[in-house]
Amino acid sequence: MTHSKVLVHGLYGRTSIYVREVLKQFCQQLFQLHITIKIAKEWSTNLPEVLHAETFDRVNVSNILDHGETLQSLLYFLAFLLRPFENPHAILVASL
């Protein structure tokens, strides 16, 4: 859709153009990133063999924490995170 097809003089028209430009810039930046997503359908106790000592920026542990043993699980999955000197923002993601 071009700008001429949108009513550019009204609030909705200007908002539409602004949102479109922001989304376009976001998509351009996203395509320049190197992103790898790994999904493992394994028991958590088998992950070291499956992942071969890989480390990550983010590890989602939400479903695992639902089954109890929260502290033990968090300590176990810390081994999969990058070390603070590699990425000080590496994090375990959990929705409780």
C-alpha atoms as a PDB file:
ATOM      1  CA  MET A   1       0.000   0.000   0.000  1.00  0.00           C
ATOM      2  CA  THR A   2       1.425   3.377  -0.939  1.00  0.00           C
ATOM      3  CA  HIS A   3       1.088   6.563   1.022  1.00  0.00           C
ATOM      4  CA  SER A   4      -1.313   7.918  -1.588  1.00  0.00           C
ATOM      5  CA  LYS A   5      -3.815   5.168  -0.773  1.00  0.00           C
ATOM      6  CA  VAL A   6      -3.885   6.164   2.888  1.00  0.00           C
ATOM      7  CA  LEU A   7      -5.556   9.320   4.099  1.00  0.00           C
ATOM      8  CA  VAL A   8      -2.354  11.089   5.167  1.00  0.00           C
ATOM      9  CA  HIS A   9      -3.953  14.199   6.568  1.00  0.00           C
ATOM     10  CA  GLY A  10      -5.821  12.554   9.425  1.00  0.00           C
ATOM     11  CA  LEU A  11      -4.537  11.145  12.682  1.00  0.00           C
ATOM     12  CA  TYR A  12      -5.122   7.536  11.602  1.00  0.00           C
ATOM     13  CA  GLY A  13      -3.368   8.097   8.277  1.00  0.00           C
ATOM     14  CA  ARG A  14      -0.277   9.614   9.891  1.00  0.00           C
ATOM     15  CA  THR A  15      -0.249   6.923  12.571  1.00  0.00           C
ATOM     16  CA  SER A  16      -0.497   4.232   9.913  1.00  0.00           C
ATOM     17  CA  ILE A  17       2.450   5.682   8.000  1.00  0.00           C
ATOM     18  CA  TYR A  18       4.514   5.985  11.199  1.00  0.00           C
ATOM     19  CA  VAL A  19       3.792   2.393  12.296  1.00  0.00           C
ATOM     20  CA  ARG A  20       4.580   1.096   8.808  1.00  0.00           C
ATOM     21  CA  GLU A  21       7.957   2.888   8.816  1.00  0.00           C
ATOM     22  CA  VAL A  22       8.848   1.619  12.298  1.00  0.00           C
ATOM     23  CA  LEU A  23       7.971  -1.957  11.297  1.00  0.00           C
ATOM     24  CA  LYS A  24       9.989  -1.609   8.097  1.00  0.00           C
ATOM     25  CA  GLN A  25      13.070  -0.424  10.048  1.00  0.00           C
ATOM     26  CA  PHE A  26      12.602  -3.246  12.575  1.00  0.00           C
ATOM     27  CA  CYS A  27      12.452  -5.865   9.808  1.00  0.00           C
ATOM     28  CA  GLN A  28      15.557  -4.435   8.135  1.00  0.00           C
ATOM     29  CA  GLN A  29      17.486  -4.610  11.428  1.00  0.00           C
ATOM     30  CA  LEU A  30      16.168  -8.101  12.160  1.00  0.00           C
ATOM     31  CA  PHE A  31      17.469  -9.457   8.846  1.00  0.00           C
ATOM     32  CA  GLN A  32      20.954  -8.166   9.685  1.00  0.00           C
ATOM     33  CA  LEU A  33      21.128 -10.168  12.932  1.00  0.00           C
ATOM     34  CA  HIS A  34      22.526 -13.656  13.294  1.00  0.00           C
ATOM     35  CA  ILE A  35      19.878 -15.595  15.218  1.00  0.00           C
ATOM     36  CA  THR A  36      19.919 -19.306  15.942  1.00  0.00           C
ATOM     37  CA  ILE A  37      17.057 -21.042  17.703  1.00  0.00           C
ATOM     38  CA  LYS A  38      17.478 -24.558  19.044  1.00  0.00           C
ATOM     39  CA  ILE A  39      14.492 -26.590  20.136  1.00  0.00           C
ATOM     40  CA  ALA A  40      15.117 -29.910  21.842  1.00  0.00           C
ATOM     41  CA  LYS A  41      12.349 -32.407  22.453  1.00  0.00           C
ATOM     42  CA  GLU A  42      14.225 -34.265  25.162  1.00  0.00           C
ATOM     43  CA  TRP A  43      14.078 -34.840  28.868  1.00  0.00           C
ATOM     44  CA  SER A  44      16.084 -32.153  30.597  1.00  0.00           C
ATOM     45  CA  THR A  45      18.467 -34.775  31.988  1.00  0.00           C
ATOM     46  CA  ASN A  46      19.407 -35.735  28.379  1.00  0.00           C
ATOM     47  CA  LEU A  47      20.169 -32.183  27.259  1.00  0.00           C
ATOM     48  CA  PRO A  48      23.933 -32.244  27.934  1.00  0.00           C
ATOM     49  CA  GLU A  49      24.332 -35.119  25.465  1.00  0.00           C
ATOM     50  CA  VAL A  50      22.024 -33.503  22.902  1.00  0.00           C
ATOM     51  CA  LEU A  51      23.490 -29.988  23.100  1.00  0.00           C
ATOM     52  CA  HIS A  52      27.143 -31.071  23.372  1.00  0.00           C
ATOM     53  CA  ALA A  53      28.151 -28.475  25.994  1.00  0.00           C
ATOM     54  CA  GLU A  54      26.787 -25.531  23.983  1.00  0.00           C
ATOM     55  CA  THR A  55      25.953 -22.322  25.812  1.00  0.00           C
ATOM     56  CA  PHE A  56      23.248 -19.790  24.995  1.00  0.00           C
ATOM     57  CA  ASP A  57      22.171 -16.186  25.541  1.00  0.00           C
ATOM     58  CA  ARG A  58      18.653 -17.204  26.585  1.00  0.00           C
ATOM     59  CA  VAL A  59      17.279 -20.465  27.962  1.00  0.00           C
ATOM     60  CA  ASN A  60      13.528 -20.880  28.438  1.00  0.00           C
ATOM     61  CA  VAL A  61      12.856 -23.063  31.473  1.00  0.00           C
ATOM     62  CA  SER A  62       9.169 -22.263  32.011  1.00  0.00           C
ATOM     63  CA  ASN A  63       7.730 -25.747  31.480  1.00  0.00           C
ATOM     64  CA  ILE A  64      10.483 -27.412  33.494  1.00  0.00           C
ATOM     65  CA  LEU A  65       9.905 -25.189  36.515  1.00  0.00           C
ATOM     66  CA  ASP A  66       6.223 -26.142  36.490  1.00  0.00           C
ATOM     67  CA  HIS A  67       7.175 -29.587  37.780  1.00  0.00           C
ATOM     68  CA  GLY A  68       8.771 -28.390  41.026  1.00  0.00           C
ATOM     69  CA  GLU A  69      12.384 -28.462  42.224  1.00  0.00           C
ATOM     70  CA  THR A  70      12.821 -24.828  41.217  1.00  0.00           C
ATOM     71  CA  LEU A  71      16.212 -24.164  42.791  1.00  0.00           C
ATOM     72  CA  GLN A  72      17.678 -27.452  41.597  1.00  0.00           C
ATOM     73  CA  SER A  73      16.395 -26.812  38.048  1.00  0.00           C
ATOM     74  CA  LEU A  74      17.774 -23.273  37.972  1.00  0.00           C
ATOM     75  CA  LEU A  75      21.188 -24.446  39.115  1.00  0.00           C
ATOM     76  CA  TYR A  76      21.140 -27.230  36.500  1.00  0.00           C
ATOM     77  CA  PHE A  77      20.304 -24.871  33.619  1.00  0.00           C
ATOM     78  CA  LEU A  78      22.816 -22.208  34.595  1.00  0.00           C
ATOM     79  CA  ALA A  79      25.411 -24.450  32.938  1.00  0.00           C
ATOM     80  CA  PHE A  80      23.708 -23.782  29.571  1.00  0.00           C
ATOM     81  CA  LEU A  81      24.058 -19.988  29.829  1.00  0.00           C
ATOM     82  CA  LEU A  82      26.961 -18.001  28.478  1.00  0.00           C
ATOM     83  CA  ARG A  83      29.283 -16.807  31.224  1.00  0.00           C
ATOM     84  CA  PRO A  84      28.963 -13.180  32.400  1.00  0.00           C
ATOM     85  CA  PHE A  85      32.187 -12.132  30.637  1.00  0.00           C
ATOM     86  CA  GLU A  86      30.808 -13.581  27.353  1.00  0.00           C
ATOM     87  CA  ASN A  87      27.359 -12.007  27.674  1.00  0.00           C
ATOM     88  CA  PRO A  88      26.490 -10.121  30.861  1.00  0.00           C
ATOM     89  CA  HIS A  89      22.821 -10.154  29.794  1.00  0.00           C
ATOM     90  CA  ALA A  90      22.429 -13.943  29.394  1.00  0.00           C
ATOM     91  CA  ILE A  91      19.275 -15.035  31.193  1.00  0.00           C
ATOM     92  CA  LEU A  92      17.077 -17.938  32.139  1.00  0.00           C
ATOM     93  CA  VAL A  93      13.528 -17.124  31.015  1.00  0.00           C
ATOM     94  CA  ALA A  94      10.692 -18.443  33.169  1.00  0.00           C
ATOM     95  CA  SER A  95       7.045 -17.536  33.441  1.00  0.00           C
ATOM     96  CA  LEU A  96       5.752 -18.486  36.835  1.00  0.00           C
END
